[in-house]
Amino acid sequence: MITNGKRIVTVVVTAVIAATALAGCSSSNDKLSQQYGNGTTQNYISGDGAVTEVAADKRTDPISFDVESMTGERLSSKALKGKVVVVNFWYASCPPCRAEAKYLGKVADNYSTDQVQFIGVNVRDEQGTAEAFERTFGTDYPTVLDQKTGTMQLAMSGQVAPNAVPATIVLDKEGRVAARVLGAIDGPGILNTLIGDELSGKAKAS
């Protein structure tokens, strides 16, 4: 159970709610920021915490992507169906990204690859910078370099935009958006709970 007051469960809404204010470090790629920043937050309620969830019966179409990690690993929504997917948007010089990295790595290590897939999405750096960050902070899951194409950022924009960096989006086993953490993860508890709810089928309906 999350006890820090940051978890917000969505309820039914009849209109599109304005996008959540930016948190953490904003991206310098203005064109991409404008594109994915226009994503709707329908079925979301914003609050004074960092976490929003989509009620299980309000989730819409699965997110679709087919990308290659910087080590050449192919990552596609089709191949990952049946797993909980955790997508973290980051770049190396962003202080909150550095602060949360140890928690992301720790949670990723807690789950076998047949249950959960973590994907890092670097929105700014070249490969050498991203690799140095991963060595420093011990994030062993695959990273996609998204600064040139914006493929992963745009894949999310139709339903829930990352809006800020860092941002972490949890997809359920069907590839639908289940939750978003806007800003740095401040400990392993939140992610463990969000992932655990999806694995166990305990995600709440509205």
C-alpha atoms as a PDB file:
ATOM      1  CA  MET A   1       0.000   0.000   0.000  1.00  0.00           C
ATOM      2  CA  ILE A   2       1.244   3.497  -0.852  1.00  0.00           C
ATOM      3  CA  THR A   3       1.194   5.647   2.248  1.00  0.00           C
ATOM      4  CA  ASN A   4       2.944   8.839   1.143  1.00  0.00           C
ATOM      5  CA  GLY A   5      -0.212  10.476  -0.188  1.00  0.00           C
ATOM      6  CA  LYS A   6       0.986  10.658  -3.754  1.00  0.00           C
ATOM      7  CA  ARG A   7      -1.260   8.030  -5.321  1.00  0.00           C
ATOM      8  CA  ILE A   8      -4.359   9.323  -7.089  1.00  0.00           C
ATOM      9  CA  VAL A   9      -6.927   6.900  -8.549  1.00  0.00           C
ATOM     10  CA  THR A  10      -8.840   8.173 -11.583  1.00  0.00           C
ATOM     11  CA  VAL A  11     -12.612   8.503 -11.720  1.00  0.00           C
ATOM     12  CA  VAL A  12     -15.028   9.049 -14.606  1.00  0.00           C
ATOM     13  CA  VAL A  13     -14.740  12.473 -16.213  1.00  0.00           C
ATOM     14  CA  THR A  14     -16.848  13.922 -19.012  1.00  0.00           C
ATOM     15  CA  ALA A  15     -14.363  16.389 -20.443  1.00  0.00           C
ATOM     16  CA  VAL A  16     -10.702  16.549 -21.224  1.00  0.00           C
ATOM     17  CA  ILE A  17      -8.804  17.818 -18.205  1.00  0.00           C
ATOM     18  CA  ALA A  18      -5.997  20.285 -18.834  1.00  0.00           C
ATOM     19  CA  ALA A  19      -2.508  18.835 -18.864  1.00  0.00           C
ATOM     20  CA  THR A  20      -0.685  18.568 -15.556  1.00  0.00           C
ATOM     21  CA  ALA A  21       1.817  21.350 -14.911  1.00  0.00           C
ATOM     22  CA  LEU A  22       5.404  20.578 -15.761  1.00  0.00           C
ATOM     23  CA  ALA A  23       7.602  19.056 -13.056  1.00  0.00           C
ATOM     24  CA  GLY A  24      11.277  18.199 -12.803  1.00  0.00           C
ATOM     25  CA  CYS A  25      13.481  19.128 -15.792  1.00  0.00           C
ATOM     26  CA  SER A  26      11.895  20.163 -19.062  1.00  0.00           C
ATOM     27  CA  SER A  27      13.271  18.927 -22.376  1.00  0.00           C
ATOM     28  CA  SER A  28      15.203  21.267 -24.657  1.00  0.00           C
ATOM     29  CA  ASN A  29      13.794  19.750 -27.837  1.00  0.00           C
ATOM     30  CA  ASP A  30      11.063  22.366 -28.394  1.00  0.00           C
ATOM     31  CA  LYS A  31       9.385  20.817 -31.434  1.00  0.00           C
ATOM     32  CA  LEU A  32       9.078  17.413 -29.828  1.00  0.00           C
ATOM     33  CA  SER A  33       8.008  18.972 -26.552  1.00  0.00           C
ATOM     34  CA  GLN A  34       5.189  20.799 -28.310  1.00  0.00           C
ATOM     35  CA  GLN A  35       4.058  17.649 -30.101  1.00  0.00           C
ATOM     36  CA  TYR A  36       3.910  15.306 -27.149  1.00  0.00           C
ATOM     37  CA  GLY A  37       2.942  18.074 -24.754  1.00  0.00           C
ATOM     38  CA  ASN A  38      -0.345  18.379 -26.631  1.00  0.00           C
ATOM     39  CA  GLY A  39      -1.406  14.903 -25.496  1.00  0.00           C
ATOM     40  CA  THR A  40      -4.715  14.717 -23.700  1.00  0.00           C
ATOM     41  CA  THR A  41      -5.080  13.729 -20.081  1.00  0.00           C
ATOM     42  CA  GLN A  42      -8.615  12.408 -20.499  1.00  0.00           C
ATOM     43  CA  ASN A  43      -9.675  10.105 -17.645  1.00  0.00           C
ATOM     44  CA  TYR A  44      -6.989  11.575 -15.408  1.00  0.00           C
ATOM     45  CA  ILE A  45      -7.310  13.711 -12.306  1.00  0.00           C
ATOM     46  CA  SER A  46      -4.377  15.798 -11.227  1.00  0.00           C
ATOM     47  CA  GLY A  47      -3.621  16.465  -7.589  1.00  0.00           C
ATOM     48  CA  ASP A  48      -0.848  17.677  -5.357  1.00  0.00           C
ATOM     49  CA  GLY A  49       1.128  14.452  -5.692  1.00  0.00           C
ATOM     50  CA  ALA A  50       3.259  12.973  -8.446  1.00  0.00           C
ATOM     51  CA  VAL A  51       1.268   9.864  -9.359  1.00  0.00           C
ATOM     52  CA  THR A  52      -1.859   9.491 -11.480  1.00  0.00           C
ATOM     53  CA  GLU A  53      -3.522   6.204 -12.367  1.00  0.00           C
ATOM     54  CA  VAL A  54      -6.066   5.217 -15.001  1.00  0.00           C
ATOM     55  CA  ALA A  55      -8.901   3.121 -13.604  1.00  0.00           C
ATOM     56  CA  ALA A  56      -8.874  -0.359 -15.144  1.00  0.00           C
ATOM     57  CA  ASP A  57     -12.249   0.118 -16.820  1.00  0.00           C
ATOM     58  CA  LYS A  58     -11.266   3.507 -18.284  1.00  0.00           C
ATOM     59  CA  ARG A  59      -8.129   2.450 -20.124  1.00  0.00           C
ATOM     60  CA  THR A  60      -8.253   2.963 -23.852  1.00  0.00           C
ATOM     61  CA  ASP A  61      -6.251   1.617 -26.789  1.00  0.00           C
ATOM     62  CA  PRO A  62      -2.852  -0.024 -26.258  1.00  0.00           C
ATOM     63  CA  ILE A  63       0.238   2.069 -26.918  1.00  0.00           C
ATOM     64  CA  SER A  64       1.976   1.038 -30.147  1.00  0.00           C
ATOM     65  CA  PHE A  65       5.748   1.231 -30.679  1.00  0.00           C
ATOM     66  CA  ASP A  66       8.545  -0.609 -32.437  1.00  0.00           C
ATOM     67  CA  VAL A  67      11.995   0.726 -31.616  1.00  0.00           C
ATOM     68  CA  GLU A  68      15.603  -0.340 -31.245  1.00  0.00           C
ATOM     69  CA  SER A  69      17.649   0.114 -28.075  1.00  0.00           C
ATOM     70  CA  MET A  70      21.095   1.636 -28.256  1.00  0.00           C
ATOM     71  CA  THR A  71      22.570  -1.881 -28.020  1.00  0.00           C
ATOM     72  CA  GLY A  72      20.517  -3.084 -30.983  1.00  0.00           C
ATOM     73  CA  GLU A  73      17.757  -4.891 -29.075  1.00  0.00           C
ATOM     74  CA  ARG A  74      14.361  -4.711 -30.773  1.00  0.00           C
ATOM     75  CA  LEU A  75      11.543  -3.570 -28.476  1.00  0.00           C
ATOM     76  CA  SER A  76       7.979  -3.641 -29.723  1.00  0.00           C
ATOM     77  CA  SER A  77       4.597  -3.338 -28.074  1.00  0.00           C
ATOM     78  CA  LYS A  78       3.491  -6.451 -29.925  1.00  0.00           C
ATOM     79  CA  ALA A  79       6.319  -8.594 -28.565  1.00  0.00           C
ATOM     80  CA  LEU A  80       5.863  -7.220 -25.044  1.00  0.00           C
ATOM     81  CA  LYS A  81       2.155  -7.961 -24.797  1.00  0.00           C
ATOM     82  CA  GLY A  82       1.507  -9.977 -21.632  1.00  0.00           C
ATOM     83  CA  LYS A  83       4.178  -8.119 -19.652  1.00  0.00           C
ATOM     84  CA  VAL A  84       3.918  -5.021 -17.513  1.00  0.00           C
ATOM     85  CA  VAL A  85       6.060  -2.382 -19.237  1.00  0.00           C
ATOM     86  CA  VAL A  86       7.673   0.500 -17.350  1.00  0.00           C
ATOM     87  CA  VAL A  87       8.859   3.356 -19.571  1.00  0.00           C
ATOM     88  CA  ASN A  88      11.125   5.976 -17.996  1.00  0.00           C
ATOM     89  CA  PHE A  89      11.926   9.242 -19.807  1.00  0.00           C
ATOM     90  CA  TRP A  90      15.262  10.783 -18.833  1.00  0.00           C
ATOM     91  CA  TYR A  91      18.503  12.487 -19.837  1.00  0.00           C
ATOM     92  CA  ALA A  92      21.886  12.455 -18.171  1.00  0.00           C
ATOM     93  CA  SER A  93      22.267  16.054 -16.961  1.00  0.00           C
ATOM     94  CA  CYS A  94      18.807  16.222 -15.378  1.00  0.00           C
ATOM     95  CA  PRO A  95      19.316  16.195 -11.572  1.00  0.00           C
ATOM     96  CA  PRO A  96      16.003  14.439 -10.725  1.00  0.00           C
ATOM     97  CA  CYS A  97      16.839  11.769 -13.309  1.00  0.00           C
ATOM     98  CA  ARG A  98      20.102  11.116 -11.519  1.00  0.00           C
ATOM     99  CA  ALA A  99      18.388  11.056  -8.136  1.00  0.00           C
ATOM    100  CA  GLU A 100      15.804   8.455  -9.163  1.00  0.00           C
ATOM    101  CA  ALA A 101      18.102   6.147 -11.161  1.00  0.00           C
ATOM    102  CA  LYS A 102      19.082   3.982  -8.187  1.00  0.00           C
ATOM    103  CA  TYR A 103      15.436   3.314  -7.368  1.00  0.00           C
ATOM    104  CA  LEU A 104      14.552   2.425 -10.944  1.00  0.00           C
ATOM    105  CA  GLY A 105      17.476   0.019 -11.118  1.00  0.00           C
ATOM    106  CA  LYS A 106      16.525  -1.564  -7.811  1.00  0.00           C
ATOM    107  CA  VAL A 107      12.893  -2.134  -8.819  1.00  0.00           C
ATOM    108  CA  ALA A 108      13.906  -3.483 -12.230  1.00  0.00           C
ATOM    109  CA  ASP A 109      16.174  -5.997 -10.524  1.00  0.00           C
ATOM    110  CA  ASN A 110      13.257  -7.233  -8.410  1.00  0.00           C
ATOM    111  CA  TYR A 111      11.345  -8.600 -11.379  1.00  0.00           C
ATOM    112  CA  SER A 112      12.170 -11.303 -13.881  1.00  0.00           C
ATOM    113  CA  THR A 113      12.164 -10.330 -17.529  1.00  0.00           C
ATOM    114  CA  ASP A 114       9.200 -12.629 -18.246  1.00  0.00           C
ATOM    115  CA  GLN A 115       7.026 -10.506 -15.926  1.00  0.00           C
ATOM    116  CA  VAL A 116       8.112  -6.914 -16.385  1.00  0.00           C
ATOM    117  CA  GLN A 117      10.093  -5.009 -19.000  1.00  0.00           C
ATOM    118  CA  PHE A 118      11.759  -1.708 -18.129  1.00  0.00           C
ATOM    119  CA  ILE A 119      12.622   0.628 -21.006  1.00  0.00           C
ATOM    120  CA  GLY A 120      14.627   3.818 -20.636  1.00  0.00           C
ATOM    121  CA  VAL A 121      13.913   6.589 -23.123  1.00  0.00           C
ATOM    122  CA  ASN A 122      16.686   9.163 -23.395  1.00  0.00           C
ATOM    123  CA  VAL A 123      15.244  12.368 -24.831  1.00  0.00           C
ATOM    124  CA  ARG A 124      18.421  14.412 -25.282  1.00  0.00           C
ATOM    125  CA  ASP A 125      21.778  12.619 -25.222  1.00  0.00           C
ATOM    126  CA  GLU A 126      24.030  10.872 -27.702  1.00  0.00           C
ATOM    127  CA  GLN A 127      24.887   7.239 -27.064  1.00  0.00           C
ATOM    128  CA  GLY A 128      28.196   7.814 -25.276  1.00  0.00           C
ATOM    129  CA  THR A 129      26.625  10.117 -22.693  1.00  0.00           C
ATOM    130  CA  ALA A 130      23.725   7.749 -22.116  1.00  0.00           C
ATOM    131  CA  GLU A 131      26.053   4.769 -21.689  1.00  0.00           C
ATOM    132  CA  ALA A 132      28.192   6.664 -19.160  1.00  0.00           C
ATOM    133  CA  PHE A 133      25.074   7.458 -17.123  1.00  0.00           C
ATOM    134  CA  GLU A 134      24.006   3.820 -17.118  1.00  0.00           C
ATOM    135  CA  ARG A 135      27.443   2.656 -15.967  1.00  0.00           C
ATOM    136  CA  THR A 136      27.472   5.221 -13.182  1.00  0.00           C
ATOM    137  CA  PHE A 137      24.003   4.474 -11.856  1.00  0.00           C
ATOM    138  CA  GLY A 138      23.699   0.788 -12.664  1.00  0.00           C
ATOM    139  CA  THR A 139      20.606   0.877 -14.851  1.00  0.00           C
ATOM    140  CA  ASP A 140      20.901  -2.366 -16.796  1.00  0.00           C
ATOM    141  CA  TYR A 141      17.627  -2.368 -18.722  1.00  0.00           C
ATOM    142  CA  PRO A 142      17.552  -1.275 -22.393  1.00  0.00           C
ATOM    143  CA  THR A 143      17.535   2.387 -23.373  1.00  0.00           C
ATOM    144  CA  VAL A 144      16.130   3.929 -26.531  1.00  0.00           C
ATOM    145  CA  LEU A 145      17.788   7.084 -27.880  1.00  0.00           C
ATOM    146  CA  ASP A 146      14.775   9.221 -28.746  1.00  0.00           C
ATOM    147  CA  GLN A 147      16.307  12.650 -29.251  1.00  0.00           C
ATOM    148  CA  LYS A 148      16.224  12.587 -33.056  1.00  0.00           C
ATOM    149  CA  THR A 149      12.973  10.804 -33.878  1.00  0.00           C
ATOM    150  CA  GLY A 150      10.850  11.279 -30.757  1.00  0.00           C
ATOM    151  CA  THR A 151       9.229   7.922 -31.510  1.00  0.00           C
ATOM    152  CA  MET A 152       8.569   6.873 -27.914  1.00  0.00           C
ATOM    153  CA  GLN A 153       7.513  10.335 -26.815  1.00  0.00           C
ATOM    154  CA  LEU A 154       5.020  10.573 -29.653  1.00  0.00           C
ATOM    155  CA  ALA A 155       3.728   7.049 -29.023  1.00  0.00           C
ATOM    156  CA  MET A 156       2.447   8.237 -25.640  1.00  0.00           C
ATOM    157  CA  SER A 157       1.150  11.625 -26.748  1.00  0.00           C
ATOM    158  CA  GLY A 158      -2.288  10.546 -27.923  1.00  0.00           C
ATOM    159  CA  GLN A 159      -3.302   9.395 -24.432  1.00  0.00           C
ATOM    160  CA  VAL A 160      -0.961  10.748 -21.796  1.00  0.00           C
ATOM    161  CA  ALA A 161       2.038  12.890 -22.567  1.00  0.00           C
ATOM    162  CA  PRO A 162       5.175  12.551 -20.440  1.00  0.00           C
ATOM    163  CA  ASN A 163       5.018  16.406 -20.156  1.00  0.00           C
ATOM    164  CA  ALA A 164       8.266  16.575 -18.171  1.00  0.00           C
ATOM    165  CA  VAL A 165      11.532  14.799 -17.636  1.00  0.00           C
ATOM    166  CA  PRO A 166      11.805  12.625 -15.649  1.00  0.00           C
ATOM    167  CA  ALA A 167       8.497  10.877 -16.163  1.00  0.00           C
ATOM    168  CA  THR A 168       7.629   7.206 -15.770  1.00  0.00           C
ATOM    169  CA  ILE A 169       4.681   5.524 -17.474  1.00  0.00           C
ATOM    170  CA  VAL A 170       3.424   2.055 -16.543  1.00  0.00           C
ATOM    171  CA  LEU A 171       1.658   0.013 -19.236  1.00  0.00           C
ATOM    172  CA  ASP A 172      -0.531  -2.918 -18.269  1.00  0.00           C
ATOM    173  CA  LYS A 173      -0.277  -6.412 -19.759  1.00  0.00           C
ATOM    174  CA  GLU A 174      -2.398  -5.333 -22.706  1.00  0.00           C
ATOM    175  CA  GLY A 175      -0.129  -2.369 -23.415  1.00  0.00           C
ATOM    176  CA  ARG A 176      -2.564   0.246 -22.111  1.00  0.00           C
ATOM    177  CA  VAL A 177      -1.532   3.208 -19.972  1.00  0.00           C
ATOM    178  CA  ALA A 178      -2.095   2.247 -16.333  1.00  0.00           C
ATOM    179  CA  ALA A 179      -0.229   4.979 -14.464  1.00  0.00           C
ATOM    180  CA  ARG A 180       2.125   7.920 -14.769  1.00  0.00           C
ATOM    181  CA  VAL A 181       4.654   9.256 -12.291  1.00  0.00           C
ATOM    182  CA  LEU A 182       5.378  12.865 -13.243  1.00  0.00           C
ATOM    183  CA  GLY A 183       8.707  13.878 -11.751  1.00  0.00           C
ATOM    184  CA  ALA A 184      11.344  11.830  -9.976  1.00  0.00           C
ATOM    185  CA  ILE A 185      10.600   8.499  -8.328  1.00  0.00           C
ATOM    186  CA  ASP A 186      11.481   9.171  -4.687  1.00  0.00           C
ATOM    187  CA  GLY A 187      11.760   5.542  -3.596  1.00  0.00           C
ATOM    188  CA  PRO A 188      11.019   2.005  -4.763  1.00  0.00           C
ATOM    189  CA  GLY A 189       7.665   1.725  -2.981  1.00  0.00           C
ATOM    190  CA  ILE A 190       5.476   3.529  -5.518  1.00  0.00           C
ATOM    191  CA  LEU A 191       6.729   1.572  -8.522  1.00  0.00           C
ATOM    192  CA  ASN A 192       6.640  -1.728  -6.665  1.00  0.00           C
ATOM    193  CA  THR A 193       2.988  -1.111  -5.803  1.00  0.00           C
ATOM    194  CA  LEU A 194       1.969   0.020  -9.293  1.00  0.00           C
ATOM    195  CA  ILE A 195       3.690  -2.959 -10.907  1.00  0.00           C
ATOM    196  CA  GLY A 196       2.416  -5.373  -8.273  1.00  0.00           C
ATOM    197  CA  ASP A 197      -1.173  -4.268  -8.816  1.00  0.00           C
ATOM    198  CA  GLU A 198      -0.881  -4.943 -12.544  1.00  0.00           C
ATOM    199  CA  LEU A 199       0.774  -8.317 -12.107  1.00  0.00           C
ATOM    200  CA  SER A 200      -1.820  -9.452  -9.585  1.00  0.00           C
ATOM    201  CA  GLY A 201      -4.843  -8.029 -11.391  1.00  0.00           C
ATOM    202  CA  LYS A 202      -5.683  -5.774  -8.455  1.00  0.00           C
ATOM    203  CA  ALA A 203      -5.809  -2.551 -10.458  1.00  0.00           C
ATOM    204  CA  LYS A 204      -8.854  -0.568  -9.398  1.00  0.00           C
ATOM    205  CA  ALA A 205     -11.916   0.181 -11.495  1.00  0.00           C
ATOM    206  CA  SER A 206     -13.617   3.543 -11.266  1.00  0.00           C
END
